Amino acid sequence: MNALIMASEAASTGIDPHTMAIIVGGGIFLALMVLLLVTVSYTNVGLRHADHDEVEDIHRQFKVHGDKH
């Protein structure tokens, strides 16, 4: 059994398992922080001002004309 463990350690050229755990954990933490930022940014949606009719601008290039056809 010890020979098998020693052979696998000798053949291993990858990243240390502790380092890999930190990378994976840091990636998950970063993803959750981004999701938290998105969630917090959507709390502003309810704090907008009340809507009102748009003032007609005769110099506007792209006019929205619903009933003028």
PDB file of N, CA and C in Angstrom:
ATOM      1  N   MET A   1       0.829  -1.187   0.000  1.00  0.00           N
ATOM      2  CA  MET A   1       0.000   0.000   0.000  1.00  0.00           C
ATOM      3  C   MET A   1       0.875   1.254   0.000  1.00  0.00           C
ATOM      4  N   ASN A   2       1.940   1.254   0.811  1.00  0.00           N
ATOM      5  CA  ASN A   2       2.827   2.405   0.848  1.00  0.00           C
ATOM      6  C   ASN A   2       3.524   2.616  -0.484  1.00  0.00           C
ATOM      7  N   ALA A   3       3.840   1.540  -1.176  1.00  0.00           N
ATOM      8  CA  ALA A   3       4.496   1.669  -2.475  1.00  0.00           C
ATOM      9  C   ALA A   3       3.555   2.330  -3.475  1.00  0.00           C
ATOM     10  N   LEU A   4       2.270   2.026  -3.384  1.00  0.00           N
ATOM     11  CA  LEU A   4       1.288   2.631  -4.283  1.00  0.00           C
ATOM     12  C   LEU A   4       1.154   4.130  -4.013  1.00  0.00           C
ATOM     13  N   ILE A   5       1.133   4.502  -2.757  1.00  0.00           N
ATOM     14  CA  ILE A   5       1.033   5.920  -2.396  1.00  0.00           C
ATOM     15  C   ILE A   5       2.293   6.665  -2.827  1.00  0.00           C
ATOM     16  N   MET A   6       3.446   6.065  -2.588  1.00  0.00           N
ATOM     17  CA  MET A   6       4.703   6.710  -2.980  1.00  0.00           C
ATOM     18  C   MET A   6       4.804   6.836  -4.501  1.00  0.00           C
ATOM     19  N   ALA A   7       4.330   5.828  -5.220  1.00  0.00           N
ATOM     20  CA  ALA A   7       4.368   5.891  -6.675  1.00  0.00           C
ATOM     21  C   ALA A   7       3.435   6.973  -7.202  1.00  0.00           C
ATOM     22  N   SER A   8       2.257   7.106  -6.592  1.00  0.00           N
ATOM     23  CA  SER A   8       1.327   8.140  -7.055  1.00  0.00           C
ATOM     24  C   SER A   8       1.852   9.529  -6.731  1.00  0.00           C
ATOM     25  N   GLU A   9       2.520   9.680  -5.590  1.00  0.00           N
ATOM     26  CA  GLU A   9       3.097  10.985  -5.247  1.00  0.00           C
ATOM     27  C   GLU A   9       4.267  11.326  -6.157  1.00  0.00           C
ATOM     28  N   ALA A  10       5.038  10.323  -6.540  1.00  0.00           N
ATOM     29  CA  ALA A  10       6.182  10.561  -7.417  1.00  0.00           C
ATOM     30  C   ALA A  10       5.721  10.907  -8.831  1.00  0.00           C
ATOM     31  N   ALA A  11       4.636  10.310  -9.273  1.00  0.00           N
ATOM     32  CA  ALA A  11       4.132  10.558 -10.620  1.00  0.00           C
ATOM     33  C   ALA A  11       3.322  11.840 -10.690  1.00  0.00           C
ATOM     34  N   SER A  12       2.911  12.349  -9.566  1.00  0.00           N
ATOM     35  CA  SER A  12       2.068  13.541  -9.536  1.00  0.00           C
ATOM     36  C   SER A  12       2.898  14.778  -9.836  1.00  0.00           C
ATOM     37  N   THR A  13       2.538  15.488 -10.890  1.00  0.00           N
ATOM     38  CA  THR A  13       3.210  16.743 -11.218  1.00  0.00           C
ATOM     39  C   THR A  13       2.225  17.903 -11.192  1.00  0.00           C
ATOM     40  N   GLY A  14       1.022  17.652 -10.682  1.00  0.00           N
ATOM     41  CA  GLY A  14      -0.029  18.668 -10.671  1.00  0.00           C
ATOM     42  C   GLY A  14       0.090  19.605  -9.487  1.00  0.00           C
ATOM     43  N   ILE A  15      -0.952  20.324  -9.267  1.00  0.00           N
ATOM     44  CA  ILE A  15      -1.021  21.307  -8.187  1.00  0.00           C
ATOM     45  C   ILE A  15      -1.281  20.575  -6.869  1.00  0.00           C
ATOM     46  N   ASP A  16      -0.719  21.101  -5.805  1.00  0.00           N
ATOM     47  CA  ASP A  16      -0.925  20.562  -4.467  1.00  0.00           C
ATOM     48  C   ASP A  16      -2.423  20.588  -4.145  1.00  0.00           C
ATOM     49  N   PRO A  17      -2.956  19.558  -3.505  1.00  0.00           N
ATOM     50  CA  PRO A  17      -4.399  19.522  -3.205  1.00  0.00           C
ATOM     51  C   PRO A  17      -4.870  20.701  -2.360  1.00  0.00           C
ATOM     52  N   HIS A  18      -4.033  21.181  -1.451  1.00  0.00           N
ATOM     53  CA  HIS A  18      -4.426  22.326  -0.625  1.00  0.00           C
ATOM     54  C   HIS A  18      -4.541  23.593  -1.476  1.00  0.00           C
ATOM     55  N   THR A  19      -3.631  23.751  -2.408  1.00  0.00           N
ATOM     56  CA  THR A  19      -3.690  24.899  -3.311  1.00  0.00           C
ATOM     57  C   THR A  19      -4.922  24.816  -4.196  1.00  0.00           C
ATOM     58  N   MET A  20      -5.219  23.626  -4.691  1.00  0.00           N
ATOM     59  CA  MET A  20      -6.398  23.440  -5.531  1.00  0.00           C
ATOM     60  C   MET A  20      -7.673  23.738  -4.738  1.00  0.00           C
ATOM     61  N   ALA A  21      -7.706  23.355  -3.466  1.00  0.00           N
ATOM     62  CA  ALA A  21      -8.871  23.631  -2.630  1.00  0.00           C
ATOM     63  C   ALA A  21      -9.064  25.129  -2.437  1.00  0.00           C
ATOM     64  N   ILE A  22      -7.970  25.856  -2.273  1.00  0.00           N
ATOM     65  CA  ILE A  22      -8.062  27.313  -2.113  1.00  0.00           C
ATOM     66  C   ILE A  22      -8.544  27.961  -3.409  1.00  0.00           C
ATOM     67  N   ILE A  23      -8.068  27.482  -4.536  1.00  0.00           N
ATOM     68  CA  ILE A  23      -8.488  28.035  -5.826  1.00  0.00           C
ATOM     69  C   ILE A  23      -9.972  27.791  -6.059  1.00  0.00           C
ATOM     70  N   VAL A  24     -10.421  26.563  -5.811  1.00  0.00           N
ATOM     71  CA  VAL A  24     -11.836  26.238  -6.016  1.00  0.00           C
ATOM     72  C   VAL A  24     -12.712  27.013  -5.035  1.00  0.00           C
ATOM     73  N   GLY A  25     -12.308  27.044  -3.768  1.00  0.00           N
ATOM     74  CA  GLY A  25     -13.074  27.793  -2.766  1.00  0.00           C
ATOM     75  C   GLY A  25     -13.108  29.278  -3.069  1.00  0.00           C
ATOM     76  N   GLY A  26     -11.986  29.822  -3.528  1.00  0.00           N
ATOM     77  CA  GLY A  26     -11.950  31.240  -3.899  1.00  0.00           C
ATOM     78  C   GLY A  26     -12.823  31.528  -5.106  1.00  0.00           C
ATOM     79  N   GLY A  27     -12.864  30.604  -6.052  1.00  0.00           N
ATOM     80  CA  GLY A  27     -13.730  30.783  -7.221  1.00  0.00           C
ATOM     81  C   GLY A  27     -15.198  30.779  -6.853  1.00  0.00           C
ATOM     82  N   ILE A  28     -15.574  29.864  -5.959  1.00  0.00           N
ATOM     83  CA  ILE A  28     -16.966  29.815  -5.497  1.00  0.00           C
ATOM     84  C   ILE A  28     -17.311  31.085  -4.730  1.00  0.00           C
ATOM     85  N   PHE A  29     -16.395  31.524  -3.866  1.00  0.00           N
ATOM     86  CA  PHE A  29     -16.625  32.751  -3.103  1.00  0.00           C
ATOM     87  C   PHE A  29     -16.779  33.949  -4.026  1.00  0.00           C
ATOM     88  N   LEU A  30     -15.929  34.041  -5.036  1.00  0.00           N
ATOM     89  CA  LEU A  30     -16.006  35.144  -5.986  1.00  0.00           C
ATOM     90  C   LEU A  30     -17.331  35.124  -6.749  1.00  0.00           C
ATOM     91  N   ALA A  31     -17.769  33.944  -7.164  1.00  0.00           N
ATOM     92  CA  ALA A  31     -19.046  33.836  -7.875  1.00  0.00           C
ATOM     93  C   ALA A  31     -20.205  34.270  -6.982  1.00  0.00           C
ATOM     94  N   LEU A  32     -20.179  33.879  -5.733  1.00  0.00           N
ATOM     95  CA  LEU A  32     -21.247  34.283  -4.816  1.00  0.00           C
ATOM     96  C   LEU A  32     -21.222  35.786  -4.550  1.00  0.00           C
ATOM     97  N   MET A  33     -20.048  36.387  -4.498  1.00  0.00           N
ATOM     98  CA  MET A  33     -19.959  37.835  -4.305  1.00  0.00           C
ATOM     99  C   MET A  33     -20.525  38.592  -5.510  1.00  0.00           C
ATOM    100  N   VAL A  34     -20.278  38.071  -6.710  1.00  0.00           N
ATOM    101  CA  VAL A  34     -20.841  38.698  -7.915  1.00  0.00           C
ATOM    102  C   VAL A  34     -22.365  38.588  -7.888  1.00  0.00           C
ATOM    103  N   LEU A  35     -22.881  37.429  -7.512  1.00  0.00           N
ATOM    104  CA  LEU A  35     -24.332  37.266  -7.411  1.00  0.00           C
ATOM    105  C   LEU A  35     -24.919  38.182  -6.342  1.00  0.00           C
ATOM    106  N   LEU A  36     -24.200  38.376  -5.244  1.00  0.00           N
ATOM    107  CA  LEU A  36     -24.657  39.294  -4.206  1.00  0.00           C
ATOM    108  C   LEU A  36     -24.697  40.725  -4.724  1.00  0.00           C
ATOM    109  N   LEU A  37     -23.691  41.124  -5.490  1.00  0.00           N
ATOM    110  CA  LEU A  37     -23.662  42.466  -6.063  1.00  0.00           C
ATOM    111  C   LEU A  37     -24.837  42.680  -7.015  1.00  0.00           C
ATOM    112  N   VAL A  38     -25.134  41.682  -7.826  1.00  0.00           N
ATOM    113  CA  VAL A  38     -26.275  41.783  -8.741  1.00  0.00           C
ATOM    114  C   VAL A  38     -27.576  41.903  -7.957  1.00  0.00           C
ATOM    115  N   THR A  39     -27.717  41.111  -6.908  1.00  0.00           N
ATOM    116  CA  THR A  39     -28.937  41.150  -6.093  1.00  0.00           C
ATOM    117  C   THR A  39     -29.103  42.501  -5.426  1.00  0.00           C
ATOM    118  N   VAL A  40     -28.030  43.032  -4.881  1.00  0.00           N
ATOM    119  CA  VAL A  40     -28.103  44.333  -4.208  1.00  0.00           C
ATOM    120  C   VAL A  40     -28.397  45.437  -5.207  1.00  0.00           C
ATOM    121  N   SER A  41     -27.883  45.327  -6.418  1.00  0.00           N
ATOM    122  CA  SER A  41     -28.133  46.374  -7.404  1.00  0.00           C
ATOM    123  C   SER A  41     -29.597  46.396  -7.833  1.00  0.00           C
ATOM    124  N   TYR A  42     -30.285  45.253  -7.750  1.00  0.00           N
ATOM    125  CA  TYR A  42     -31.701  45.227  -8.111  1.00  0.00           C
ATOM    126  C   TYR A  42     -32.603  45.750  -7.004  1.00  0.00           C
ATOM    127  N   THR A  43     -32.094  46.039  -5.823  1.00  0.00           N
ATOM    128  CA  THR A  43     -32.933  46.613  -4.781  1.00  0.00           C
ATOM    129  C   THR A  43     -33.277  48.061  -5.092  1.00  0.00           C
ATOM    130  N   ASN A  44     -32.530  48.707  -5.978  1.00  0.00           N
ATOM    131  CA  ASN A  44     -32.826  50.083  -6.374  1.00  0.00           C
ATOM    132  C   ASN A  44     -34.047  50.176  -7.272  1.00  0.00           C
ATOM    133  N   VAL A  45     -34.507  49.089  -7.844  1.00  0.00           N
ATOM    134  CA  VAL A  45     -35.605  49.130  -8.805  1.00  0.00           C
ATOM    135  C   VAL A  45     -36.863  49.685  -8.163  1.00  0.00           C
ATOM    136  N   GLY A  46     -37.114  49.344  -6.916  1.00  0.00           N
ATOM    137  CA  GLY A  46     -38.311  49.832  -6.244  1.00  0.00           C
ATOM    138  C   GLY A  46     -38.217  51.275  -5.797  1.00  0.00           C
ATOM    139  N   LEU A  47     -37.063  51.887  -5.857  1.00  0.00           N
ATOM    140  CA  LEU A  47     -36.868  53.251  -5.369  1.00  0.00           C
ATOM    141  C   LEU A  47     -36.895  54.290  -6.486  1.00  0.00           C
ATOM    142  N   ARG A  48     -37.421  53.933  -7.635  1.00  0.00           N
ATOM    143  CA  ARG A  48     -37.463  54.880  -8.752  1.00  0.00           C
ATOM    144  C   ARG A  48     -38.582  55.898  -8.557  1.00  0.00           C
ATOM    145  N   HIS A  49     -38.500  56.981  -9.297  1.00  0.00           N
ATOM    146  CA  HIS A  49     -39.532  58.007  -9.215  1.00  0.00           C
ATOM    147  C   HIS A  49     -40.775  57.546  -9.966  1.00  0.00           C
ATOM    148  N   ALA A  50     -41.881  58.221  -9.706  1.00  0.00           N
ATOM    149  CA  ALA A  50     -43.132  57.870 -10.373  1.00  0.00           C
ATOM    150  C   ALA A  50     -43.046  58.233 -11.855  1.00  0.00           C
ATOM    151  N   ASP A  51     -43.696  57.444 -12.669  1.00  0.00           N
ATOM    152  CA  ASP A  51     -43.644  57.720 -14.105  1.00  0.00           C
ATOM    153  C   ASP A  51     -44.579  58.874 -14.464  1.00  0.00           C
ATOM    154  N   HIS A  52     -44.258  59.553 -15.555  1.00  0.00           N
ATOM    155  CA  HIS A  52     -45.065  60.659 -16.042  1.00  0.00           C
ATOM    156  C   HIS A  52     -45.011  60.654 -17.567  1.00  0.00           C
ATOM    157  N   ASP A  53     -45.980  61.322 -18.180  1.00  0.00           N
ATOM    158  CA  ASP A  53     -46.025  61.375 -19.636  1.00  0.00           C
ATOM    159  C   ASP A  53     -44.845  62.165 -20.176  1.00  0.00           C
ATOM    160  N   GLU A  54     -44.349  61.709 -21.314  1.00  0.00           N
ATOM    161  CA  GLU A  54     -43.216  62.365 -21.932  1.00  0.00           C
ATOM    162  C   GLU A  54     -43.687  63.629 -22.644  1.00  0.00           C
ATOM    163  N   VAL A  55     -42.910  64.697 -22.511  1.00  0.00           N
ATOM    164  CA  VAL A  55     -43.227  65.958 -23.165  1.00  0.00           C
ATOM    165  C   VAL A  55     -42.912  65.821 -24.650  1.00  0.00           C
ATOM    166  N   GLU A  56     -43.817  66.291 -25.503  1.00  0.00           N
ATOM    167  CA  GLU A  56     -43.586  66.170 -26.936  1.00  0.00           C
ATOM    168  C   GLU A  56     -42.489  67.128 -27.375  1.00  0.00           C
ATOM    169  N   ASP A  57     -41.500  66.584 -28.068  1.00  0.00           N
ATOM    170  CA  ASP A  57     -40.364  67.360 -28.544  1.00  0.00           C
ATOM    171  C   ASP A  57     -40.446  67.397 -30.069  1.00  0.00           C
ATOM    172  N   ILE A  58     -40.648  68.570 -30.643  1.00  0.00           N
ATOM    173  CA  ILE A  58     -40.819  68.665 -32.096  1.00  0.00           C
ATOM    174  C   ILE A  58     -39.505  68.470 -32.837  1.00  0.00           C
ATOM    175  N   HIS A  59     -38.382  68.582 -32.159  1.00  0.00           N
ATOM    176  CA  HIS A  59     -37.074  68.426 -32.787  1.00  0.00           C
ATOM    177  C   HIS A  59     -36.502  67.017 -32.644  1.00  0.00           C
ATOM    178  N   ARG A  60     -37.282  66.135 -32.095  1.00  0.00           N
ATOM    179  CA  ARG A  60     -36.806  64.770 -31.873  1.00  0.00           C
ATOM    180  C   ARG A  60     -36.742  64.025 -33.202  1.00  0.00           C
ATOM    181  N   GLN A  61     -35.633  63.306 -33.430  1.00  0.00           N
ATOM    182  CA  GLN A  61     -35.451  62.608 -34.703  1.00  0.00           C
ATOM    183  C   GLN A  61     -36.307  61.359 -34.798  1.00  0.00           C
ATOM    184  N   PHE A  62     -36.281  60.532 -33.804  1.00  0.00           N
ATOM    185  CA  PHE A  62     -36.998  59.261 -33.858  1.00  0.00           C
ATOM    186  C   PHE A  62     -38.254  59.357 -33.003  1.00  0.00           C
ATOM    187  N   LYS A  63     -39.310  59.832 -33.620  1.00  0.00           N
ATOM    188  CA  LYS A  63     -40.555  60.052 -32.892  1.00  0.00           C
ATOM    189  C   LYS A  63     -41.336  58.745 -32.786  1.00  0.00           C
ATOM    190  N   VAL A  64     -42.007  58.601 -31.670  1.00  0.00           N
ATOM    191  CA  VAL A  64     -42.885  57.455 -31.458  1.00  0.00           C
ATOM    192  C   VAL A  64     -44.288  57.943 -31.812  1.00  0.00           C
ATOM    193  N   HIS A  65     -44.819  57.440 -32.889  1.00  0.00           N
ATOM    194  CA  HIS A  65     -46.112  57.927 -33.360  1.00  0.00           C
ATOM    195  C   HIS A  65     -47.086  56.758 -33.450  1.00  0.00           C
ATOM    196  N   GLY A  66     -47.857  56.611 -32.400  1.00  0.00           N
ATOM    197  CA  GLY A  66     -48.764  55.481 -32.306  1.00  0.00           C
ATOM    198  C   GLY A  66     -50.015  55.626 -33.158  1.00  0.00           C
ATOM    199  N   ASP A  67     -50.693  56.729 -33.046  1.00  0.00           N
ATOM    200  CA  ASP A  67     -51.999  56.872 -33.717  1.00  0.00           C
ATOM    201  C   ASP A  67     -51.918  57.793 -34.936  1.00  0.00           C
ATOM    202  N   LYS A  68     -50.756  58.086 -35.480  1.00  0.00           N
ATOM    203  CA  LYS A  68     -50.638  59.007 -36.621  1.00  0.00           C
ATOM    204  C   LYS A  68     -50.541  58.275 -37.942  1.00  0.00           C
ATOM    205  N   HIS A  69     -50.846  56.995 -38.002  1.00  0.00           N
ATOM    206  CA  HIS A  69     -50.777  56.248 -39.262  1.00  0.00           C
ATOM    207  C   HIS A  69     -52.119  56.254 -39.945  1.00  0.00           C
TER     208      HIS A  69
END
